[in-house]
């Protein structure tokens, strides 16, 4: 793999082209003056003469200069995507296997890339920075260890990679949303405020933990929504919202009615590292647009994990705020939705109308 300083010089880029270096894909393209086409560095096309080659930072820049993509480009992109996914998968394994979160420079060195480009590639493929992925991985380990019968909280802390109690307690609220002993006790001691209201989609329950909005649930039966919340934290202290919290609920209802206005409230998002990658990708889908489960799998660098993406959508507790309703099957079928396909259809119709200017 070429580790020359970020492929910044033409000589370094030409060396990458000659080596068909897949690690250079996405950092620049080369164009051939005699054929009028451009290719990725790892292209399997016949190697051109150096004097006929021009370099561009992006494919868009090459096309603006009048070049067209090589007929091999799609194959090149498929190969490049596989290479990038393999690099990121290896980095994820290194992070998950490390007792403590590895420094960015060490990870990049193990992968054979500069820290800058490794960081950019990792975030582009997973939707998370390496540091955020390490945090999510550590949170997952901690939840797993706290779920082990008869294991002490201290044992769980060290098994999850914290080398001191003080460092753990500094991060525990962020990782779990509550103290470790409270999480292990099914939310015992945690205070969650909630209220049930009505919106155009039926009943809506909004719940807030110490960290932020932790649930936005939709349904027909308000009592069923409360039972659903209780199932999530069976020993948490659930408190009905006061007048101030009712205003918070009204804000969420307004957002559900018109997602384009945004939700300027902190969210308490808890999931596995994979789920958080999926949910982050979902939040990048604009109102009025839809993507397939396969599209999301591609975006997070796990093209074969389509079923796992669908499961992550089903595990989402924050209706509309994490817009899993914007994910459909490749053939356009609405598929399932935690809160009912009819609500999914209504949300998509409303968003499409607003995006086209036909709605309020």
Protein backbone atom coordinates (compact mmCIF):
# COMPACT_ATOMS: atom_id res chain seq x y z
CA UNK A 1 0.00 0.00 0.00
CA UNK A 2 1.31 3.44 -0.89
CA UNK A 3 1.83 5.51 2.25
CA UNK A 4 3.34 8.52 0.51
CA UNK A 5 2.12 11.76 2.12
CA UNK A 6 -1.55 11.76 1.21
CA UNK A 7 -0.95 11.43 -2.56
CA UNK A 8 -0.48 15.19 -2.74
CA UNK A 9 2.09 15.26 -5.55
CA UNK A 10 1.67 14.09 -9.13
CA UNK A 11 4.64 11.76 -8.72
CA UNK A 12 3.02 10.10 -5.71
CA UNK A 13 -0.26 9.81 -7.60
CA UNK A 14 1.42 8.30 -10.63
CA UNK A 15 3.12 5.73 -8.39
CA UNK A 16 -0.32 4.84 -7.01
CA UNK A 17 -1.74 4.44 -10.53
CA UNK A 18 1.15 2.21 -11.57
CA UNK A 19 0.63 0.09 -8.45
CA UNK A 20 -3.17 0.09 -8.95
CA UNK A 21 -3.35 1.17 -5.30
CA UNK A 22 -6.94 0.71 -4.08
CA UNK A 23 -6.14 2.75 -0.96
CA UNK A 24 -5.83 5.80 -3.21
CA UNK A 25 -9.35 5.40 -4.63
CA UNK A 26 -11.55 8.30 -3.62
CA UNK A 27 -8.58 10.61 -3.06
CA UNK A 28 -8.07 11.49 -6.72
CA UNK A 29 -8.78 10.27 -10.25
CA UNK A 30 -6.56 10.22 -13.30
CA UNK A 31 -7.65 11.21 -16.78
CA UNK A 32 -6.18 10.10 -20.10
CA UNK A 33 -5.93 12.89 -22.67
CA UNK A 34 -5.83 10.52 -25.66
CA UNK A 35 -9.04 8.69 -24.76
CA UNK A 36 -10.97 11.41 -22.92
CA UNK A 37 -11.84 9.15 -19.98
CA UNK A 38 -10.96 9.16 -16.29
CA UNK A 39 -10.43 6.27 -13.88
CA UNK A 40 -9.83 5.49 -10.23
CA UNK A 41 -6.19 4.73 -9.29
CA UNK A 42 -6.93 0.99 -8.90
CA UNK A 43 -8.50 0.73 -12.37
CA UNK A 44 -7.71 -2.45 -14.23
CA UNK A 45 -7.65 -0.51 -17.51
CA UNK A 46 -4.49 -0.60 -19.61
CA UNK A 47 -1.81 1.65 -18.12
CA UNK A 48 -1.50 4.87 -20.18
CA UNK A 49 1.69 6.76 -20.96
CA UNK A 50 2.65 9.19 -18.22
CA UNK A 51 2.70 12.18 -20.57
CA UNK A 52 -0.97 11.55 -21.45
CA UNK A 53 -2.19 11.58 -17.84
CA UNK A 54 -3.76 14.43 -15.88
CA UNK A 55 -4.80 14.23 -12.24
CA UNK A 56 -7.94 15.63 -10.60
CA UNK A 57 -8.96 15.69 -6.95
CA UNK A 58 -12.49 14.46 -7.72
CA UNK A 59 -14.50 12.80 -10.47
CA UNK A 60 -16.62 15.94 -10.66
CA UNK A 61 -13.54 18.03 -11.42
CA UNK A 62 -12.54 15.61 -14.19
CA UNK A 63 -16.02 15.77 -15.72
CA UNK A 64 -16.01 19.57 -15.52
CA UNK A 65 -12.80 19.45 -17.55
CA UNK A 66 -14.58 17.44 -20.25
CA UNK A 67 -13.59 13.88 -19.34
CA UNK A 68 -16.10 11.04 -19.08
CA UNK A 69 -15.97 8.03 -16.76
CA UNK A 70 -14.33 4.90 -18.07
CA UNK A 71 -16.65 2.01 -18.84
CA UNK A 72 -14.70 0.17 -16.19
CA UNK A 73 -15.57 2.82 -13.60
CA UNK A 74 -18.53 0.94 -12.13
CA UNK A 75 -16.38 -2.14 -11.68
CA UNK A 76 -13.61 0.01 -10.25
CA UNK A 77 -16.03 1.58 -7.79
CA UNK A 78 -17.29 -1.84 -6.70
CA UNK A 79 -13.74 -2.98 -6.11
CA UNK A 80 -12.84 0.25 -4.34
CA UNK A 81 -15.92 0.01 -2.11
CA UNK A 82 -14.95 -3.54 -1.14
CA UNK A 83 -11.43 -2.39 -0.35
CA UNK A 84 -12.67 0.50 1.79
CA UNK A 85 -15.13 -1.75 3.61
CA UNK A 86 -12.34 -4.24 4.33
CA UNK A 87 -10.08 -1.51 5.71
CA UNK A 88 -12.80 -0.15 7.97
CA UNK A 89 -13.87 -3.64 9.09
CA UNK A 90 -10.27 -4.33 10.11
CA UNK A 91 -10.16 -1.06 12.05
CA UNK A 92 -13.43 -1.92 13.79
CA UNK A 93 -12.00 -5.27 14.85
CA UNK A 94 -8.89 -3.55 16.23
CA UNK A 95 -11.03 -1.12 18.21
CA UNK A 96 -13.30 -3.85 19.57
CA UNK A 97 -10.35 -6.06 20.54
CA UNK A 98 -8.48 -3.29 22.36
CA UNK A 99 -8.71 -3.19 26.13
CA UNK A 100 -8.74 0.62 25.99
CA UNK A 101 -9.67 2.87 23.04
CA UNK A 102 -6.60 2.98 20.75
CA UNK A 103 -5.27 6.44 19.76
CA UNK A 104 -6.09 7.62 16.23
CA UNK A 105 -2.40 7.71 15.23
CA UNK A 106 -1.90 4.09 16.32
CA UNK A 107 -4.99 2.89 14.44
CA UNK A 108 -3.96 4.72 11.29
CA UNK A 109 -0.44 3.27 11.50
CA UNK A 110 -1.83 -0.27 11.88
CA UNK A 111 -4.01 0.27 8.81
CA UNK A 112 -1.19 1.88 6.82
CA UNK A 113 -2.82 5.27 6.22
CA UNK A 114 -2.27 8.82 7.41
CA UNK A 115 -4.39 9.77 10.45
CA UNK A 116 -6.24 12.41 8.40
CA UNK A 117 -7.30 10.08 5.60
CA UNK A 118 -8.01 7.18 7.94
CA UNK A 119 -10.30 9.40 10.03
CA UNK A 120 -12.10 10.66 6.91
CA UNK A 121 -12.49 7.16 5.43
CA UNK A 122 -13.74 5.66 8.70
CA UNK A 123 -16.36 8.37 9.20
CA UNK A 124 -17.48 8.17 5.56
CA UNK A 125 -17.96 4.41 5.77
CA UNK A 126 -19.51 4.08 9.24
CA UNK A 127 -21.07 7.46 9.93
CA UNK A 128 -19.03 7.60 13.16
CA UNK A 129 -15.58 8.87 14.00
CA UNK A 130 -13.16 6.22 15.32
CA UNK A 131 -13.50 7.79 18.77
CA UNK A 132 -17.31 7.64 18.64
CA UNK A 133 -17.21 4.04 17.43
CA UNK A 134 -14.85 3.14 20.29
CA UNK A 135 -17.24 4.80 22.74
CA UNK A 136 -20.23 2.90 21.34
CA UNK A 137 -18.25 -0.35 21.42
CA UNK A 138 -17.27 0.25 25.03
CA UNK A 139 -20.87 1.04 25.95
CA UNK A 140 -21.98 -2.23 24.34
CA UNK A 141 -19.32 -4.17 26.29
CA UNK A 142 -20.41 -2.47 29.48
CA UNK A 143 -24.07 -3.34 28.93
CA UNK A 144 -23.10 -6.94 28.22
CA UNK A 145 -20.96 -7.17 31.35
CA UNK A 146 -23.64 -5.59 33.52
CA UNK A 147 -26.08 -8.20 32.24
CA UNK A 148 -23.91 -11.12 33.45
CA UNK A 149 -25.64 -12.76 36.45
CA UNK A 150 -23.86 -12.35 39.80
CA UNK A 151 -21.03 -10.25 38.33
CA UNK A 152 -20.17 -7.16 40.34
CA UNK A 153 -20.29 -3.65 38.92
CA UNK A 154 -16.54 -3.38 39.59
CA UNK A 155 -15.88 -6.50 37.50
CA UNK A 156 -18.03 -5.10 34.69
CA UNK A 157 -16.10 -1.82 34.77
CA UNK A 158 -12.73 -3.51 34.28
CA UNK A 159 -14.01 -6.06 31.75
CA UNK A 160 -15.37 -3.17 29.65
CA UNK A 161 -11.87 -1.66 29.48
CA UNK A 162 -11.89 1.01 32.18
CA UNK A 163 -8.62 0.90 34.09
CA UNK A 164 -9.96 2.85 37.06
CA UNK A 165 -13.27 3.41 38.78
CA UNK A 166 -12.88 7.18 38.60
CA UNK A 167 -12.50 7.20 34.81
CA UNK A 168 -15.56 4.99 34.50
CA UNK A 169 -17.79 7.15 36.66
CA UNK A 170 -16.77 10.20 34.65
CA UNK A 171 -18.21 8.50 31.54
CA UNK A 172 -20.99 6.30 32.94
CA UNK A 173 -23.80 8.85 32.58
CA UNK A 174 -22.89 9.37 28.93
CA UNK A 175 -22.57 5.66 28.18
CA UNK A 176 -25.65 4.40 30.01
CA UNK A 177 -27.79 7.43 30.74
CA UNK A 178 -27.74 6.47 34.43
CA UNK A 179 -25.53 4.95 37.07
CA UNK A 180 -24.23 1.45 36.32
CA UNK A 181 -26.01 -0.12 39.29
CA UNK A 182 -29.25 1.52 38.16
CA UNK A 183 -28.83 0.20 34.61
CA UNK A 184 -28.12 -3.29 35.92
CA UNK A 185 -31.27 -3.11 38.07
CA UNK A 186 -33.42 -2.48 35.03
CA UNK A 187 -33.40 1.27 35.44
CA UNK A 188 -33.96 1.28 39.19
CA UNK A 189 -33.31 4.78 40.46
CA UNK A 190 -33.49 6.35 37.02
CA UNK A 191 -36.03 9.13 36.68
CA UNK A 192 -37.93 9.23 33.40
CA UNK A 193 -40.60 11.83 32.85
CA UNK A 194 -43.28 11.07 30.31
CA UNK A 195 -46.60 12.26 28.96
CA UNK A 196 -49.10 11.01 26.42
CA UNK A 197 -50.77 13.28 23.90
CA UNK A 198 -52.49 13.18 20.54
CA UNK A 199 -51.23 13.95 17.06
CA UNK A 200 -52.45 13.36 13.52
CA UNK A 201 -51.05 9.81 13.71
CA UNK A 202 -52.93 8.88 16.89
CA UNK A 203 -51.62 8.64 20.43
CA UNK A 204 -48.05 9.75 21.08
CA UNK A 205 -45.89 9.15 24.16
CA UNK A 206 -42.83 11.30 24.81
CA UNK A 207 -40.35 10.31 27.51
CA UNK A 208 -37.22 12.07 28.74
CA UNK A 209 -34.34 10.74 30.83
CA UNK A 210 -31.55 12.73 32.43
CA UNK A 211 -29.80 12.82 29.05
CA UNK A 212 -32.63 13.82 26.76
CA UNK A 213 -35.64 12.48 24.87
CA UNK A 214 -35.38 8.69 25.19
CA UNK A 215 -38.65 7.60 23.57
CA UNK A 216 -41.20 8.87 21.06
CA UNK A 217 -43.80 6.14 20.71
CA UNK A 218 -46.85 6.10 18.43
CA UNK A 219 -50.00 3.98 18.66
CA UNK A 220 -53.74 3.76 19.06
CA UNK A 221 -53.91 2.91 22.77
CA UNK A 222 -52.27 5.35 25.24
CA UNK A 223 -52.16 2.67 27.93
CA UNK A 224 -50.30 0.33 25.59
CA UNK A 225 -47.70 3.02 24.96
CA UNK A 226 -47.14 3.45 28.70
CA UNK A 227 -46.75 -0.33 29.08
CA UNK A 228 -44.21 -0.30 26.24
CA UNK A 229 -42.19 2.35 28.10
CA UNK A 230 -42.38 0.34 31.32
CA UNK A 231 -41.06 -2.70 29.46
CA UNK A 232 -37.99 -0.74 28.41
CA UNK A 233 -37.10 0.20 32.01
CA UNK A 234 -39.18 -1.97 34.32
CA UNK A 235 -37.63 -0.57 37.51
CA UNK A 236 -37.20 3.06 36.51
CA UNK A 237 -39.08 5.75 38.37
CA UNK A 238 -41.63 6.96 35.82
CA UNK A 239 -43.13 10.37 36.53
CA UNK A 240 -46.05 11.91 34.71
CA UNK A 241 -45.05 15.20 33.09
CA UNK A 242 -46.01 18.54 34.58
CA UNK A 243 -47.10 21.67 32.70
CA UNK A 244 -43.52 22.43 31.70
CA UNK A 245 -43.07 18.94 30.27
CA UNK A 246 -46.38 19.23 28.43
CA UNK A 247 -44.78 22.07 26.48
CA UNK A 248 -41.95 19.70 25.60
CA UNK A 249 -44.51 17.19 24.34
CA UNK A 250 -46.17 19.91 22.26
CA UNK A 251 -42.78 20.65 20.69
CA UNK A 252 -42.32 16.99 19.75
CA UNK A 253 -45.87 16.78 18.38
CA UNK A 254 -45.17 19.84 16.24
CA UNK A 255 -42.07 18.12 14.90
CA UNK A 256 -43.99 14.91 14.13
CA UNK A 257 -46.59 16.95 12.24
CA UNK A 258 -43.89 18.82 10.27
CA UNK A 259 -40.48 17.06 10.42
CA UNK A 260 -38.89 19.71 8.21
CA UNK A 261 -38.89 22.17 11.15
CA UNK A 262 -36.37 19.98 12.98
CA UNK A 263 -36.29 18.91 16.61
CA UNK A 264 -34.02 21.13 18.67
CA UNK A 265 -33.96 18.86 21.71
CA UNK A 266 -31.24 16.55 23.07
CA UNK A 267 -31.81 12.89 22.28
CA UNK A 268 -30.90 10.01 24.56
CA UNK A 269 -29.88 7.48 21.91
CA UNK A 270 -28.73 4.11 23.19
CA UNK A 271 -27.89 1.14 21.02
CA UNK A 272 -25.15 -1.17 19.88
CA UNK A 273 -22.33 0.27 17.79
CA UNK A 274 -24.01 -1.11 14.67
CA UNK A 275 -27.42 0.30 15.58
CA UNK A 276 -25.93 3.73 16.21
CA UNK A 277 -24.27 3.63 12.78
CA UNK A 278 -27.63 2.83 11.19
CA UNK A 279 -29.52 5.46 13.18
CA UNK A 280 -26.96 8.13 12.34
CA UNK A 281 -27.34 7.30 8.64
CA UNK A 282 -31.13 7.49 8.96
CA UNK A 283 -30.93 11.01 10.38
CA UNK A 284 -29.12 12.11 7.22
CA UNK A 285 -32.14 11.24 5.01
CA UNK A 286 -33.97 14.52 4.29
CA UNK A 287 -37.76 14.83 4.62
CA UNK A 288 -39.51 13.84 1.40
CA UNK A 289 -36.83 11.33 0.42
CA UNK A 290 -36.70 7.56 0.81
CA UNK A 291 -33.87 5.05 0.59
CA UNK A 292 -33.75 1.27 0.66
CA UNK A 293 -32.40 -0.92 3.42
CA UNK A 294 -29.65 -1.90 0.99
CA UNK A 295 -28.78 1.79 0.50
CA UNK A 296 -28.33 2.24 4.25
CA UNK A 297 -26.21 -0.90 4.43
CA UNK A 298 -23.97 0.52 1.70
CA UNK A 299 -23.73 3.89 3.42
CA UNK A 300 -22.46 2.40 6.67
CA UNK A 301 -19.95 0.18 4.88
CA UNK A 302 -21.78 -3.10 5.50
CA UNK A 303 -23.42 -3.93 2.14
CA UNK A 304 -24.32 -7.48 3.16
CA UNK A 305 -26.01 -6.45 6.41
CA UNK A 306 -29.40 -5.56 4.90
CA UNK A 307 -31.33 -7.72 7.35
CA UNK A 308 -29.39 -6.29 10.30
CA UNK A 309 -30.21 -2.78 9.07
CA UNK A 310 -33.91 -3.68 9.05
CA UNK A 311 -33.60 -5.02 12.60
CA UNK A 312 -31.89 -1.80 13.73
CA UNK A 313 -34.78 0.17 12.23
CA UNK A 314 -37.21 -1.99 14.17
CA UNK A 315 -35.29 -1.37 17.43
CA UNK A 316 -35.61 2.41 17.10
CA UNK A 317 -37.62 3.99 19.95
CA UNK A 318 -37.53 7.55 18.63
CA UNK A 319 -40.26 7.76 16.01
CA UNK A 320 -39.64 10.41 13.33
CA UNK A 321 -36.64 11.86 15.24
CA UNK A 322 -34.72 8.87 13.89
CA UNK A 323 -36.67 8.58 10.62
CA UNK A 324 -36.78 4.85 9.99
CA UNK A 325 -40.08 5.50 8.15
CA UNK A 326 -37.99 6.82 5.23
CA UNK A 327 -36.49 3.38 4.60
CA UNK A 328 -38.31 1.12 2.14
CA UNK A 329 -37.58 -2.05 0.24
CA UNK A 330 -35.62 -1.79 -2.98
CA UNK A 331 -38.81 -2.34 -4.99
CA UNK A 332 -40.49 0.59 -3.18
CA UNK A 333 -42.68 -1.56 -0.93
CA UNK A 334 -43.14 0.05 2.49
CA UNK A 335 -42.34 -3.17 4.35
CA UNK A 336 -42.81 -3.11 8.13
CA UNK A 337 -42.82 -0.26 10.61
CA UNK A 338 -42.72 -0.49 14.40
CA UNK A 339 -45.76 1.79 14.65
CA UNK A 340 -47.75 0.41 11.72
CA UNK A 341 -47.42 0.62 7.94
CA UNK A 342 -50.41 2.99 7.71
CA UNK A 343 -48.54 5.55 9.82
CA UNK A 344 -45.44 5.06 7.70
CA UNK A 345 -47.48 5.70 4.56
CA UNK A 346 -49.08 8.79 6.08
CA UNK A 347 -45.71 10.22 7.13
CA UNK A 348 -44.20 9.67 3.69
CA UNK A 349 -47.19 11.17 1.88
CA UNK A 350 -47.15 14.24 4.08
CA UNK A 351 -43.39 14.74 3.71
CA UNK A 352 -43.54 14.25 -0.05
CA UNK A 353 -46.37 16.81 -0.34
CA UNK A 354 -44.46 19.38 1.73
CA UNK A 355 -41.25 18.77 -0.22
CA UNK A 356 -43.08 19.31 -3.51
CA UNK A 357 -44.76 22.47 -2.25
CA UNK A 358 -48.25 20.94 -2.23
CA UNK A 359 -48.52 20.76 1.54
CA UNK A 360 -48.62 23.31 4.30
